[in-house]
Each structure stands twice: as C-alpha cells, then as structure tokens.
Amino acid sequence: MIKKFLYLEWKSFVRSASFTTNLALKIFLGILAFIYLVGFFFLGLGSFYIIKEMGLEPLATVNKYMIYYLFMDLGIRLLLQKIPVMNIRPLLTLPIKRPTIVHFALGKTSISFFNFAHAVFFLPFAIILLWEGYNPIGVILWHLSIFALIYINNFLNVILANKDNLFFIFLGTISILAAAQYYALFDITNYTLVFFDGLFQTQWAFLIPIIVLILLYKFTFDYFKSNLYLDAGLSSKHDIAETENLVWLNQFGVLGTFLKNDIKLIRRNKRSKTTVFMSVMFLFYGLFFFSGFVPAYDNPTMHMFAGIFVSGGFLITFGQFVPSWDSAYYPLMMTQNISYRNYLSSKWWLMVIATFVTTILAAFYLYFGWQIYLTIVVGAIYNIGVNSHMVLLGGAYTKTPIDLASSKGAFGDKKAFNIKTLLISIPQLLLPMLLYGLGTYFGGLILGLSLVAIVGAIGFLMRDKMFTIIERVYKTEKYATLHSYKQKNA
C-alpha cells in the first residue's frame, strides 16, 4: 500500500498544471540546498576547532546553547515547514486502513529537509569528537539524543501546525530569554546545560528524549487517526460572520468598494493577518543595519536596502500576491463588469497608505541620526513611485492561489518562482542600492539620496502610464491566471 501511495504522489506531481514550474523550482531549490548542506557540513567539521580557539570547551559550549538551537528550529518549522499531507478525502471511500494513511503521512515528515539538514552538521561534529578522543559511547548516545530531540520538534510542528501565531510566541520567548541572559538577569542555559551534558556523561539519560519521541509519535498518530473523518477533522470550519460597513469609504466610489473588500479581507483571514504582522516585523529589520550590530551591513548600499524593507514591508508582503488574495472568487469577479484600472488602483492606494504609515512609525530611527531616517524616507518615496508598480506587475505572473484560512506560506509559494518575477524584482532592490551606492561614492550622502528620490518621484509622476502597461499585462494573463486558480493540487 505504501508503494501505491508513492505512485499516487508521483502522478500528482507530474500531472500538475504547474509541472514545469515545479520541476524547475525543485532543481533550483536542490542546488541551493546542496550549497547550504555543504556549508553546514564544513561548519560541523570546523566548529570544534573554532570554539576551541576561542578558549572554550567545544562540547560544553554546544550543549550550553543547544536550547536556543532547538527553540529556533521549532520556530522556523512552524513558519516554513509545510506538512506533507495527501489528498485524503478520496482515500476514505476506498478499502484502505486509516492507520496506513496516517503512518504514511507522518513518515513523509520524517524525511523532510528540515530533519536531514541537522545531520549534515551534527554527524561531522560527532566524528570530530571521536577523533579528538572523547568517550565513544558518550558521543554516540549524545548524538542519538540530539536527533531524538530534532524529531520531537518535527512532530510538535505537525501537532501545532494549525495553531495561529505560535511562531511569533516562540520568537518572542527566544528574544526575552536571550535579552535576559545578555543583561545577566536570568540565564536559562545554567539549567539546560545540566540536561544536555547528562546526555553525554551518563549512559541512561539518552532514554529520556527517545521515550518522549515514541510517546509523541503515538500521540500524533492517535490524534490524526481520531480526526480522519469527513464529518470531523477534515470538515471545513466556518466562523460567525461579522458586519462591517466602512461607510466612510463610500465617498471614493468604485475605488472605495474595492478598498472596503481589501480591508475586510485583511481583518478576517489568517493569511492576511500574518502578512500584516510580518510587515510590522520588517519595521524593526533596520536595527540589524543601522545599529552596527552586523559590521558587514554598516555601509551606504546596505543602508538603502534596509530603507526599502523598513518602509515597504506591507508593500512587499501584500503586493506580491495581487491578485492572488482574491483567488477564491477571482473567476466570479471576471464575469462582472469590473474595470481592471479601478481594481489595481485600490491595491495601489492600500500599499501607498501602508507605506506612508510605516514611514511615520519608523521615526524612532532618528535615534541613530537624521541621515538614517532620511534614508528610510527616501526608500519610502522609491517604494511609492517604483516598487508599488513593480509588485503589481509581478503579481500578474505570480499565479498562486491563496488559502486565506491558512497562515502558512507568508513568504511565498512555488508558483511565485518564475523568470519574469525574478526580472521584475531587480529594480525593486538592486536599482535603488546601485543608485545610492554610486551617488555616495561620487558625491556623498545627499547625492545618493537625491538619485533614489528622483527616480521614485519620476515613477510617481508616470503612474498613469504605468497603470496602462500593468492593466494590459493583467488582461493578457487573465485566462492563464483563471486556469491556475482552478488547480487545487498544483
């Protein structure tokens, strides 16, 4: 039966309407994954000696900060790792045992890249420990324990996948613990170090994570098995509808109608709320660049990069998925007498207003100097004048239907990857960085800022011409977009 499931998975992949895109994406991601794994492998080999050169005991140091490593792993999984489920509903009408379905679905999570990547680091590190004369039994038991903890994170992610905002709770927890340790208020590693050292020093402590892993797998299995019914766990959940009139937008006519729909969409759905939260997180992204926390980022070119992101968080995260936000009812919209110009204008104004508000909220960067805040303001001008049009243009080629009930995939999706969107992304980031870098090199800060601001102002003055071009592209891609939105398993 497992063989049959694998056959169905392969058929689902090759028969997908986006097979060519999926194949190209998997090849591209495979190359990136290989580069990442090679780097992680050499880090595993060299970290022992790097830590030793710092005057620290390597294994004790790794054990000391292992709690943060595991917390970050779980947080990243909650944000990025998709749960590989099957198209279960049709299988429930066939003579297939439910435990077989659940075991296969959970087994797919076990071979995830998020699990395999850890082996590329910890296995070389364990080999170096053996090479340097550490107790072989202790190293082996410690290594098994760490991987048991990694897989505990894997199944915790499966259970918690539908819990909203857990990523941000974990991020906040890690930040608070790290800050408390940095300012010597509370050091959690003093307590967790005892446990992780015990995994190496004793010959029985390794049983604790292994037993927890077995119990967690059983709990996960029982949980999904008990909900594997069409009228229970697989049924659609419906919330009570709330009435929001937003009558003050009526004064803007048709544009106001579209704005009301967008505001309601943002307020009522998980995915859009996650996007808004991520745009708020981008507001603090500049701290890595402007505070000198990362020396490599402390240069004019990277400052402009930060200015674009700080002021354009919502524009980037929301704008890249226009019109995918409306994918659930986009076919219905296309049967109505709706002007593309009004539809796109509403999205544009929403992004412009959000950029303006974000720029005002970013005023706390004045703490680092007026030049820093002026960089953010200029970045906002460029976002309004150029990037607002670029993300709308890119949206015409990003044919990604969005599940508004899910908070997963806030950073993108497979069909967002294509050559056209990559080419369109060049002027979004590289052009302002290039202009600012050249300006500061030849004429100083003011010239660099002026060049970026002038290009942004020109883009704003040419918005009617740009909208004509964008509208034409949307009309050309209309039927391809409709076809893509109909592919539920693409």
Protein backbone atom coordinates (compact mmCIF):
# COMPACT_ATOMS: atom_id res chain seq x y z
CA MET A 1 0.00 0.00 0.00
CA ILE A 2 2.89 2.37 0.75
CA LYS A 3 4.18 1.70 -2.76
CA LYS A 4 0.76 2.66 -4.13
CA PHE A 5 0.80 5.90 -2.14
CA LEU A 6 4.20 6.78 -3.56
CA TYR A 7 2.87 6.09 -7.05
CA LEU A 8 -0.10 8.43 -6.44
CA GLU A 9 2.23 11.15 -5.13
CA TRP A 10 4.35 10.89 -8.28
CA LYS A 11 1.30 11.05 -10.55
CA SER A 12 0.02 14.09 -8.67
CA PHE A 13 3.35 15.80 -9.26
CA VAL A 14 3.80 15.04 -12.98
CA ARG A 15 0.15 15.70 -13.87
CA SER A 16 0.06 19.05 -12.12
CA ALA A 17 -0.73 22.06 -14.28
CA SER A 18 2.43 23.65 -12.91
CA PHE A 19 4.64 20.59 -13.51
CA THR A 20 7.25 22.53 -15.49
CA THR A 21 7.40 25.24 -12.84
CA ASN A 22 7.56 22.67 -10.05
CA LEU A 23 10.41 20.82 -11.78
CA ALA A 24 12.41 23.99 -12.40
CA LEU A 25 11.78 25.11 -8.83
CA LYS A 26 12.84 21.79 -7.36
CA ILE A 27 16.06 21.83 -9.40
CA PHE A 28 16.79 25.39 -8.29
CA LEU A 29 15.98 24.62 -4.65
CA GLY A 30 18.04 21.45 -4.91
CA ILE A 31 21.08 23.48 -5.94
CA LEU A 32 20.51 25.93 -3.09
CA ALA A 33 20.01 23.07 -0.64
CA PHE A 34 23.24 21.43 -1.79
CA ILE A 35 25.17 24.67 -1.28
CA TYR A 36 23.59 25.08 2.14
CA LEU A 37 24.39 21.49 3.15
CA VAL A 38 27.99 21.78 2.01
CA GLY A 39 28.39 24.90 4.14
CA PHE A 40 26.73 23.19 7.10
CA PHE A 41 28.97 20.15 6.64
CA PHE A 42 32.17 22.18 6.82
CA LEU A 43 30.76 24.13 9.76
CA GLY A 44 30.22 20.81 11.54
CA LEU A 45 33.80 19.81 10.82
CA GLY A 46 35.32 23.12 11.83
CA SER A 47 33.15 24.29 14.72
CA PHE A 48 35.05 22.12 17.22
CA TYR A 49 38.32 23.85 16.44
CA ILE A 50 36.74 27.29 16.09
CA ILE A 51 35.25 27.02 19.57
CA LYS A 52 38.50 25.63 20.94
CA GLU A 53 40.47 28.58 19.55
CA MET A 54 38.10 30.86 21.46
CA GLY A 55 39.32 29.24 24.68
CA LEU A 56 36.11 27.30 25.29
CA GLU A 57 35.35 23.61 25.69
CA PRO A 58 33.60 22.67 22.39
CA LEU A 59 31.04 20.09 23.55
CA ALA A 60 30.11 22.03 26.69
CA THR A 61 29.65 25.19 24.61
CA VAL A 62 27.39 23.42 22.11
CA ASN A 63 25.38 21.92 24.98
CA LYS A 64 25.11 25.33 26.64
CA TYR A 65 23.36 26.91 23.67
CA MET A 66 21.52 23.82 22.45
CA ILE A 67 18.28 25.05 24.00
CA TYR A 68 18.32 28.10 21.71
CA TYR A 69 19.15 25.92 18.72
CA LEU A 70 16.12 23.71 19.38
CA PHE A 71 13.83 26.67 20.03
CA MET A 72 14.89 28.32 16.79
CA ASP A 73 14.48 25.05 14.90
CA LEU A 74 10.91 24.67 16.11
CA GLY A 75 10.12 28.32 15.38
CA ILE A 76 11.44 28.05 11.81
CA ARG A 77 9.48 24.83 11.29
CA LEU A 78 6.26 26.49 12.42
CA LEU A 79 6.84 29.30 9.95
CA LEU A 80 8.25 27.49 6.92
CA GLN A 81 7.88 23.71 7.08
CA LYS A 82 4.78 22.56 5.28
CA ILE A 83 3.08 19.42 6.50
CA PRO A 84 3.17 16.93 3.59
CA VAL A 85 -0.35 15.58 3.60
CA MET A 86 -2.04 13.51 0.97
CA ASN A 87 -5.34 14.14 -0.76
CA ILE A 88 -7.02 12.18 1.99
CA ARG A 89 -10.73 12.62 1.29
CA PRO A 90 -10.88 10.34 -1.81
CA LEU A 91 -8.91 7.65 0.05
CA LEU A 92 -11.52 7.41 2.81
CA THR A 93 -14.03 5.96 0.37
CA LEU A 94 -11.63 3.14 -0.57
CA PRO A 95 -10.82 -0.06 1.37
CA ILE A 96 -7.63 1.39 2.85
CA LYS A 97 -6.93 1.16 6.55
CA ARG A 98 -6.82 4.52 8.26
CA PRO A 99 -3.63 3.67 10.24
CA THR A 100 -1.82 3.07 6.94
CA ILE A 101 -2.81 6.53 5.68
CA VAL A 102 -1.68 8.21 8.90
CA HIS A 103 1.62 6.30 9.09
CA PHE A 104 2.44 7.29 5.51
CA ALA A 105 1.59 10.96 6.08
CA LEU A 106 3.71 11.10 9.26
CA GLY A 107 6.50 9.14 7.58
CA LYS A 108 6.76 11.83 4.91
CA THR A 109 7.52 14.40 7.59
CA SER A 110 10.40 12.23 8.88
CA ILE A 111 12.34 12.57 5.63
CA SER A 112 11.89 16.32 5.47
CA PHE A 113 14.85 18.55 4.59
CA PHE A 114 14.36 20.21 7.98
CA ASN A 115 15.44 16.94 9.62
CA PHE A 116 18.14 15.89 7.17
CA ALA A 117 19.93 19.25 7.33
CA HIS A 118 20.73 18.78 11.03
CA ALA A 119 22.54 15.51 10.30
CA VAL A 120 24.93 17.31 7.99
CA PHE A 121 26.09 19.41 10.95
CA PHE A 122 25.87 17.06 13.93
CA LEU A 123 27.30 13.95 12.25
CA PRO A 124 30.65 15.62 11.28
CA PHE A 125 30.75 17.27 14.71
CA ALA A 126 30.30 13.87 16.40
CA ILE A 127 33.02 12.34 14.20
CA ILE A 128 35.42 15.11 15.25
CA LEU A 129 34.56 14.43 18.90
CA LEU A 130 35.51 10.77 18.40
CA TRP A 131 38.67 11.81 16.55
CA GLU A 132 39.67 14.06 19.44
CA GLY A 133 39.39 11.24 21.95
CA TYR A 134 36.00 11.82 23.56
CA ASN A 135 34.28 8.79 25.11
CA PRO A 136 32.82 6.86 22.11
CA ILE A 137 29.77 5.57 23.98
CA GLY A 138 29.02 9.04 25.33
CA VAL A 139 29.35 10.61 21.86
CA ILE A 140 27.05 8.02 20.25
CA LEU A 141 24.39 8.33 22.96
CA TRP A 142 24.61 12.15 22.84
CA HIS A 143 24.23 12.07 19.06
CA LEU A 144 21.17 9.79 19.24
CA SER A 145 19.64 12.03 21.89
CA ILE A 146 20.07 15.18 19.82
CA PHE A 147 18.37 13.57 16.85
CA ALA A 148 15.56 12.36 19.05
CA LEU A 149 15.07 16.00 20.11
CA ILE A 150 15.13 17.11 16.46
CA TYR A 151 12.38 14.63 15.63
CA ILE A 152 10.43 15.73 18.70
CA ASN A 153 10.42 19.18 17.11
CA ASN A 154 9.26 17.59 13.86
CA PHE A 155 6.17 16.02 15.43
CA LEU A 156 5.48 19.06 17.61
CA ASN A 157 5.33 21.05 14.39
CA VAL A 158 2.82 18.55 12.97
CA ILE A 159 0.58 18.91 16.03
CA LEU A 160 0.92 22.69 16.32
CA ALA A 161 0.75 23.46 12.58
CA ASN A 162 -2.78 24.90 12.77
CA LYS A 163 -2.18 26.99 15.88
CA ASP A 164 -2.12 30.65 14.93
CA ASN A 165 0.77 32.95 15.80
CA LEU A 166 2.85 30.28 17.57
CA PHE A 167 5.89 31.31 15.53
CA PHE A 168 5.72 34.80 16.99
CA ILE A 169 5.26 33.40 20.51
CA PHE A 170 8.42 31.32 20.08
CA LEU A 171 10.28 34.28 18.58
CA GLY A 172 9.24 36.46 21.49
CA THR A 173 10.23 33.79 24.02
CA ILE A 174 13.67 33.37 22.48
CA SER A 175 14.18 37.14 22.37
CA ILE A 176 13.22 37.56 26.02
CA LEU A 177 15.44 34.69 27.17
CA ALA A 178 18.38 35.93 25.09
CA ALA A 179 17.96 39.50 26.37
CA ALA A 180 17.71 38.29 29.97
CA GLN A 181 20.92 36.29 29.52
CA TYR A 182 22.72 39.17 27.78
CA TYR A 183 21.89 41.61 30.60
CA ALA A 184 22.65 38.99 33.29
CA LEU A 185 19.08 38.92 34.61
CA PHE A 186 18.39 35.24 34.06
CA ASP A 187 20.44 32.58 32.30
CA ILE A 188 18.34 29.60 31.23
CA THR A 189 21.43 27.81 29.93
CA ASN A 190 22.62 27.25 33.52
CA TYR A 191 19.73 24.83 33.92
CA THR A 192 19.52 23.29 30.44
CA LEU A 193 23.29 22.66 30.32
CA VAL A 194 22.89 20.08 33.10
CA PHE A 195 20.45 18.08 30.95
CA PHE A 196 22.44 18.21 27.72
CA ASP A 197 25.70 17.40 29.48
CA GLY A 198 23.92 14.48 31.11
CA LEU A 199 23.16 13.05 27.68
CA PHE A 200 26.91 12.63 27.21
CA GLN A 201 28.09 11.95 30.74
CA THR A 202 25.56 9.23 31.64
CA GLN A 203 24.51 6.06 29.85
CA TRP A 204 20.81 6.29 30.67
CA ALA A 205 19.77 9.94 30.12
CA PHE A 206 19.54 9.34 26.37
CA LEU A 207 16.43 7.28 27.06
CA ILE A 208 14.52 10.40 28.10
CA PRO A 209 14.28 12.07 24.67
CA ILE A 210 13.82 8.70 22.93
CA ILE A 211 10.91 7.74 25.19
CA VAL A 212 9.40 11.21 24.74
CA LEU A 213 9.75 10.83 20.94
CA ILE A 214 7.98 7.45 20.96
CA LEU A 215 5.14 8.78 23.12
CA LEU A 216 4.83 11.91 20.99
CA TYR A 217 4.64 9.87 17.77
CA LYS A 218 1.90 7.72 19.32
CA PHE A 219 0.02 10.82 20.44
CA THR A 220 0.36 12.40 16.99
CA PHE A 221 -0.76 9.17 15.32
CA ASP A 222 -3.80 8.81 17.60
CA TYR A 223 -4.69 12.48 17.16
CA PHE A 224 -4.78 12.32 13.36
CA LYS A 225 -6.39 8.89 13.28
CA SER A 226 -9.23 10.10 15.51
CA ASN A 227 -9.83 13.09 13.22
CA LEU A 228 -9.65 11.16 9.95
CA TYR A 229 -13.35 11.51 9.17
CA LEU A 230 -15.08 13.59 6.52
CA ASP A 231 -17.57 14.94 9.07
CA ALA A 232 -14.98 15.60 11.79
CA GLY A 233 -11.36 16.63 11.43
CA LEU A 234 -11.50 17.02 7.63
CA SER A 235 -14.66 19.10 7.55
CA SER A 236 -14.47 22.80 6.82
CA LYS A 237 -14.62 25.17 9.74
CA HIS A 238 -16.92 28.18 9.48
CA ASP A 239 -16.75 31.26 11.65
CA ILE A 240 -19.63 33.53 12.55
CA ALA A 241 -19.83 36.38 10.06
CA GLU A 242 -19.36 39.95 11.29
CA THR A 243 -20.86 43.01 9.65
CA GLU A 244 -18.51 45.88 8.80
CA ASN A 245 -19.97 48.75 6.78
CA LEU A 246 -16.98 51.10 6.48
CA VAL A 247 -19.39 53.67 5.07
CA TRP A 248 -16.75 56.42 5.17
CA LEU A 249 -15.15 54.81 2.09
CA ASN A 250 -18.31 55.29 0.01
CA GLN A 251 -17.15 58.79 -0.91
CA PHE A 252 -14.46 57.24 -3.12
CA GLY A 253 -16.98 55.48 -5.37
CA VAL A 254 -15.91 52.23 -7.04
CA LEU A 255 -12.41 52.62 -5.60
CA GLY A 256 -13.91 52.75 -2.11
CA THR A 257 -15.80 49.50 -2.74
CA PHE A 258 -12.57 47.68 -3.58
CA LEU A 259 -10.82 49.23 -0.58
CA LYS A 260 -13.60 48.01 1.71
CA ASN A 261 -13.19 44.48 0.37
CA ASP A 262 -9.43 44.59 0.94
CA ILE A 263 -9.74 45.91 4.48
CA LYS A 264 -12.30 43.23 5.36
CA LEU A 265 -10.07 40.57 3.81
CA ILE A 266 -7.10 41.69 5.91
CA ARG A 267 -9.08 41.80 9.14
CA ARG A 268 -10.90 38.49 8.77
CA ASN A 269 -8.35 35.97 7.48
CA LYS A 270 -5.33 34.17 8.95
CA ARG A 271 -3.02 34.55 5.97
CA SER A 272 -3.58 38.27 5.57
CA LYS A 273 -3.20 38.87 9.31
CA THR A 274 0.12 37.00 9.21
CA THR A 275 1.21 39.20 6.32
CA VAL A 276 0.38 42.36 8.25
CA PHE A 277 2.30 41.07 11.26
CA MET A 278 5.30 40.27 9.09
CA SER A 279 5.22 43.79 7.67
CA VAL A 280 5.39 45.11 11.25
CA MET A 281 8.39 42.86 11.86
CA PHE A 282 10.08 44.38 8.81
CA LEU A 283 9.77 47.73 10.58
CA PHE A 284 12.48 46.57 13.01
CA TYR A 285 14.60 44.94 10.32
CA GLY A 286 16.70 48.09 10.04
CA LEU A 287 18.12 47.57 13.53
CA PHE A 288 20.49 44.97 12.07
CA PHE A 289 21.79 47.56 9.59
CA PHE A 290 21.69 50.92 11.35
CA SER A 291 22.84 49.91 14.84
CA GLY A 292 26.19 48.48 13.72
CA PHE A 293 25.12 45.10 15.15
CA VAL A 294 26.35 43.40 11.95
CA PRO A 295 29.52 45.16 10.67
CA ALA A 296 29.06 43.83 7.12
CA TYR A 297 25.73 45.68 6.88
CA ASP A 298 27.14 49.01 8.04
CA ASN A 299 27.67 50.64 4.62
CA PRO A 300 25.63 53.03 2.43
CA THR A 301 24.46 50.39 -0.07
CA MET A 302 23.09 48.09 2.61
CA HIS A 303 21.52 51.06 4.40
CA MET A 304 19.39 51.73 1.34
CA PHE A 305 18.49 48.03 1.20
CA ALA A 306 17.24 48.35 4.79
CA GLY A 307 15.40 51.59 3.99
CA ILE A 308 13.43 49.82 1.23
CA PHE A 309 12.42 46.99 3.55
CA VAL A 310 11.64 49.10 6.62
CA SER A 311 9.24 51.38 4.76
CA GLY A 312 7.94 48.76 2.32
CA GLY A 313 7.22 45.73 4.48
CA PHE A 314 3.50 45.69 3.72
CA LEU A 315 4.04 46.65 0.10
CA ILE A 316 6.36 43.67 -0.42
CA THR A 317 4.47 41.03 1.56
CA PHE A 318 0.98 42.05 0.43
CA GLY A 319 1.68 43.41 -3.04
CA GLN A 320 3.49 40.35 -4.35
CA PHE A 321 0.23 38.36 -4.11
CA VAL A 322 -2.07 40.67 -6.07
CA PRO A 323 -4.45 39.34 -7.40
CA SER A 324 -3.90 36.03 -5.56
CA TRP A 325 -5.62 37.42 -2.46
CA ASP A 326 -8.84 37.28 -4.45
CA SER A 327 -8.17 33.84 -5.99
CA ALA A 328 -11.16 32.24 -4.23
CA TYR A 329 -13.62 34.45 -6.09
CA TYR A 330 -11.46 35.80 -8.92
CA PRO A 331 -13.38 33.81 -11.60
CA LEU A 332 -16.62 35.39 -10.36
CA MET A 333 -15.05 38.85 -10.49
CA MET A 334 -14.01 38.31 -14.09
CA THR A 335 -17.64 37.67 -15.06
CA GLN A 336 -18.65 41.09 -13.75
CA ASN A 337 -18.31 44.48 -15.39
CA ILE A 338 -15.25 45.40 -13.34
CA SER A 339 -12.55 47.78 -14.51
CA TYR A 340 -9.02 46.47 -14.06
CA ARG A 341 -7.90 50.07 -13.54
CA ASN A 342 -10.15 50.54 -10.50
CA TYR A 343 -9.24 47.11 -9.13
CA LEU A 344 -5.48 47.76 -9.40
CA SER A 345 -5.82 51.35 -8.13
CA SER A 346 -7.42 50.12 -4.91
CA LYS A 347 -4.49 47.77 -4.28
CA TRP A 348 -2.03 50.56 -5.13
CA TRP A 349 -3.63 53.05 -2.75
CA LEU A 350 -3.71 50.45 0.02
CA MET A 351 0.04 49.87 -0.37
CA VAL A 352 0.78 53.59 -0.60
CA ILE A 353 -1.17 54.36 2.59
CA ALA A 354 0.54 51.48 4.42
CA THR A 355 3.97 52.71 3.25
CA PHE A 356 3.18 56.23 4.45
CA VAL A 357 2.04 54.98 7.87
CA THR A 358 5.06 52.68 8.22
CA THR A 359 7.42 55.55 7.42
CA ILE A 360 5.90 57.66 10.18
CA LEU A 361 6.13 54.75 12.64
CA ALA A 362 9.80 54.34 11.71
CA ALA A 363 10.57 57.77 13.19
CA PHE A 364 12.28 56.05 16.14
CA TYR A 365 15.25 55.51 13.79
CA LEU A 366 16.03 59.21 14.36
CA TYR A 367 17.84 57.86 17.41
CA PHE A 368 20.60 56.73 15.02
CA GLY A 369 20.76 60.11 13.28
CA TRP A 370 18.76 62.14 10.79
CA GLN A 371 20.69 60.60 7.89
CA ILE A 372 19.36 57.15 8.79
CA TYR A 373 15.75 58.28 8.96
CA LEU A 374 16.18 60.28 5.75
CA THR A 375 17.34 57.04 4.09
CA ILE A 376 14.09 55.39 5.18
CA VAL A 377 12.03 58.33 3.89
CA VAL A 378 13.80 58.18 0.52
CA GLY A 379 13.23 54.42 0.48
CA ALA A 380 9.52 55.12 1.01
CA ILE A 381 9.49 57.56 -1.93
CA TYR A 382 11.06 54.90 -4.12
CA ASN A 383 8.60 52.28 -2.87
CA ILE A 384 5.63 54.51 -3.70
CA GLY A 385 6.94 55.66 -7.05
CA VAL A 386 8.54 52.48 -8.40
CA ASN A 387 8.11 49.38 -6.26
CA SER A 388 4.35 49.79 -5.89
CA HIS A 389 4.09 49.41 -9.67
CA MET A 390 6.66 46.62 -9.81
CA VAL A 391 4.86 44.39 -7.31
CA LEU A 392 1.57 44.88 -9.16
CA LEU A 393 3.28 43.99 -12.42
CA GLY A 394 4.89 40.94 -10.84
CA GLY A 395 1.53 39.86 -9.44
CA ALA A 396 0.26 39.30 -12.98
CA TYR A 397 2.79 36.47 -13.32
CA THR A 398 2.51 35.12 -9.76
CA LYS A 399 -0.39 32.74 -10.27
CA THR A 400 -0.54 31.38 -6.75
CA PRO A 401 -4.00 30.64 -5.32
CA ILE A 402 -4.05 31.56 -1.63
CA ASP A 403 -5.80 29.71 1.15
CA LEU A 404 -6.94 32.59 3.32
CA ALA A 405 -7.76 30.23 6.19
CA SER A 406 -4.09 29.21 6.49
CA SER A 407 -1.27 31.29 7.89
CA LYS A 408 1.34 29.16 6.08
CA GLY A 409 3.37 30.47 3.21
CA ALA A 410 3.54 34.11 4.19
CA PHE A 411 6.83 34.46 2.34
CA GLY A 412 5.82 32.95 -0.96
CA ASP A 413 4.85 29.83 -2.81
CA LYS A 414 6.10 27.58 -5.57
CA LYS A 415 4.30 29.33 -8.43
CA ALA A 416 5.73 32.67 -7.31
CA PHE A 417 9.04 31.47 -8.74
CA ASN A 418 9.49 32.23 -12.43
CA ILE A 419 11.88 34.14 -14.64
CA LYS A 420 9.53 37.08 -15.19
CA THR A 421 9.02 37.76 -11.49
CA LEU A 422 12.77 37.44 -10.91
CA LEU A 423 13.49 40.02 -13.62
CA ILE A 424 10.84 42.35 -12.23
CA SER A 425 12.39 42.07 -8.75
CA ILE A 426 15.69 43.56 -9.99
CA PRO A 427 14.54 47.22 -10.00
CA GLN A 428 12.81 46.68 -6.67
CA LEU A 429 16.03 46.20 -4.69
CA LEU A 430 19.14 46.33 -6.85
CA LEU A 431 18.40 49.60 -8.66
CA PRO A 432 17.98 51.80 -5.54
CA MET A 433 21.02 50.17 -3.95
CA LEU A 434 23.04 50.84 -7.09
CA LEU A 435 21.87 54.45 -7.36
CA TYR A 436 22.54 55.14 -3.70
CA GLY A 437 25.93 53.44 -3.78
CA LEU A 438 27.08 55.34 -6.87
CA GLY A 439 25.75 58.64 -5.54
CA THR A 440 27.51 58.33 -2.18
CA TYR A 441 30.73 57.20 -3.89
CA PHE A 442 30.93 60.13 -6.30
CA GLY A 443 29.12 62.90 -4.43
CA GLY A 444 28.34 61.90 -0.89
CA LEU A 445 25.20 61.10 1.06
CA ILE A 446 22.98 63.87 -0.34
CA LEU A 447 23.65 62.94 -3.98
CA GLY A 448 22.95 59.25 -3.27
CA LEU A 449 19.64 60.03 -1.57
CA SER A 450 18.71 62.52 -4.29
CA LEU A 451 19.21 59.99 -7.09
CA VAL A 452 16.93 57.45 -5.42
CA ALA A 453 14.31 60.08 -4.55
CA ILE A 454 14.31 61.50 -8.11
CA VAL A 455 13.74 58.06 -9.64
CA GLY A 456 10.91 57.47 -7.15
CA ALA A 457 9.34 60.84 -7.97
CA ILE A 458 9.56 60.17 -11.72
CA GLY A 459 7.84 56.83 -11.18
CA PHE A 460 5.06 58.52 -9.23
CA LEU A 461 4.53 61.14 -11.96
CA MET A 462 4.35 58.36 -14.56
CA ARG A 463 1.81 56.30 -12.60
CA ASP A 464 -0.92 56.71 -15.25
CA LYS A 465 1.37 55.37 -17.94
CA MET A 466 2.49 52.54 -15.67
CA PHE A 467 -1.11 51.61 -14.85
CA THR A 468 -1.88 51.41 -18.56
CA ILE A 469 1.00 48.96 -19.04
CA ILE A 470 0.09 46.92 -15.95
CA GLU A 471 -3.59 46.79 -16.96
CA ARG A 472 -2.62 45.49 -20.40
CA VAL A 473 -0.47 42.74 -18.84
CA TYR A 474 -3.27 41.66 -16.50
CA LYS A 475 -5.66 41.37 -19.42
CA THR A 476 -3.12 39.31 -21.37
CA GLU A 477 -2.57 36.95 -18.41
CA LYS A 478 -6.24 36.80 -17.43
CA TYR A 479 -7.12 33.33 -18.70
CA ALA A 480 -3.83 31.76 -17.62
CA THR A 481 -4.47 33.13 -14.14
CA LEU A 482 -8.02 31.76 -14.07
CA HIS A 483 -6.76 28.34 -15.15
CA SER A 484 -4.08 28.35 -12.47
CA TYR A 485 -6.52 29.25 -9.70
CA LYS A 486 -8.61 26.20 -10.60
CA GLN A 487 -5.67 23.85 -9.89
CA LYS A 488 -6.24 22.88 -6.28
CA ASN A 489 -3.36 20.39 -6.08
CA ALA A 490 -0.89 22.14 -8.38
